[in-house]
Amino acid sequence: PFETNLQSAKTWRTSIAHDSRYLDLAGTSLVSRVCAGDGSLILSTVQATLVQQINDFLGLQTGEFEFNLFQPG
């Protein structure tokens, strides 16, 4: 169920998503790569799939969801 995925996503975001150990060579965070639909990910593919499913449901293409500079969390 989606509620289980939602809790897992929250746990992932507050644990490894922003962890500096998972930056790529360009210094891009794992969460940024997941949200951007980076096809070269070998970690967090479950989260990347969830983001893609949500974007598909909402009818959004990769990059259409723009973030403001300051976001909570």
Protein backbone atom coordinates (compact mmCIF):
# COMPACT_ATOMS: atom_id res chain seq x y z
CA PRO A 1 0.00 0.00 0.00
CA PHE A 2 0.99 3.59 -0.61
CA GLU A 3 1.04 4.37 3.12
CA THR A 4 3.87 1.88 3.59
CA ASN A 5 5.80 3.44 0.70
CA LEU A 6 5.21 6.90 2.16
CA GLN A 7 6.70 5.94 5.52
CA SER A 8 9.64 4.23 3.83
CA ALA A 9 10.26 7.34 1.72
CA LYS A 10 10.26 9.54 4.83
CA THR A 11 12.71 7.22 6.57
CA TRP A 12 14.97 7.15 3.49
CA ARG A 13 14.89 10.93 3.14
CA THR A 14 15.87 11.50 6.76
CA SER A 15 18.56 8.82 6.80
CA ILE A 16 20.65 8.34 3.64
CA ALA A 17 19.13 10.64 1.02
CA HIS A 18 21.24 13.63 2.05
CA ASP A 19 24.19 11.70 3.49
CA SER A 20 27.49 13.00 2.11
CA ARG A 21 28.76 9.42 1.75
CA TYR A 22 26.40 9.01 -1.20
CA LEU A 23 27.41 12.10 -3.19
CA ASP A 24 28.52 11.40 -6.73
CA LEU A 25 31.83 12.69 -8.11
CA ALA A 26 30.18 16.00 -9.06
CA GLY A 27 28.93 16.45 -5.48
CA THR A 28 25.28 15.76 -6.32
CA SER A 29 23.27 14.30 -3.46
CA LEU A 30 21.53 10.96 -3.78
CA VAL A 31 18.13 12.60 -3.29
CA SER A 32 18.82 15.05 -6.14
CA ARG A 33 19.79 12.19 -8.41
CA VAL A 34 16.69 10.18 -7.48
CA CYS A 35 14.38 13.13 -8.05
CA ALA A 36 16.07 13.95 -11.36
CA GLY A 37 15.51 10.42 -12.61
CA ASP A 38 19.22 9.61 -12.93
CA GLY A 39 19.32 6.32 -14.82
CA SER A 40 22.83 5.50 -13.62
CA LEU A 41 21.78 4.93 -10.00
CA ILE A 42 22.81 1.66 -8.40
CA LEU A 43 21.51 2.71 -4.98
CA SER A 44 17.97 3.78 -4.05
CA THR A 45 16.40 2.33 -7.17
CA VAL A 46 13.23 1.54 -5.19
CA GLN A 47 12.91 5.22 -4.31
CA ALA A 48 13.63 6.24 -7.91
CA THR A 49 10.88 3.89 -9.09
CA LEU A 50 8.45 5.35 -6.55
CA VAL A 51 9.23 8.91 -7.72
CA GLN A 52 8.68 7.81 -11.33
CA GLN A 53 5.35 6.19 -10.46
CA ILE A 54 4.19 9.34 -8.64
CA ASN A 55 5.28 11.52 -11.57
CA ASP A 56 3.48 9.21 -14.01
CA PHE A 57 0.30 9.40 -11.91
CA LEU A 58 0.52 13.21 -11.80
CA GLY A 59 1.40 13.42 -15.48
CA LEU A 60 4.76 15.07 -14.79
CA GLN A 61 7.85 14.60 -16.92
CA THR A 62 11.35 14.49 -15.42
CA GLY A 63 12.33 18.02 -14.47
CA GLU A 64 8.81 19.46 -14.54
CA PHE A 65 8.53 19.56 -10.77
CA GLU A 66 10.45 22.68 -9.83
CA PHE A 67 11.58 23.26 -6.25
CA ASN A 68 11.78 26.62 -4.56
CA LEU A 69 15.20 27.48 -3.20
CA PHE A 70 14.16 26.92 0.41
CA GLN A 71 12.09 23.88 1.31
CA PRO A 72 11.24 22.38 4.69
CA GLY A 73 12.97 19.12 5.58
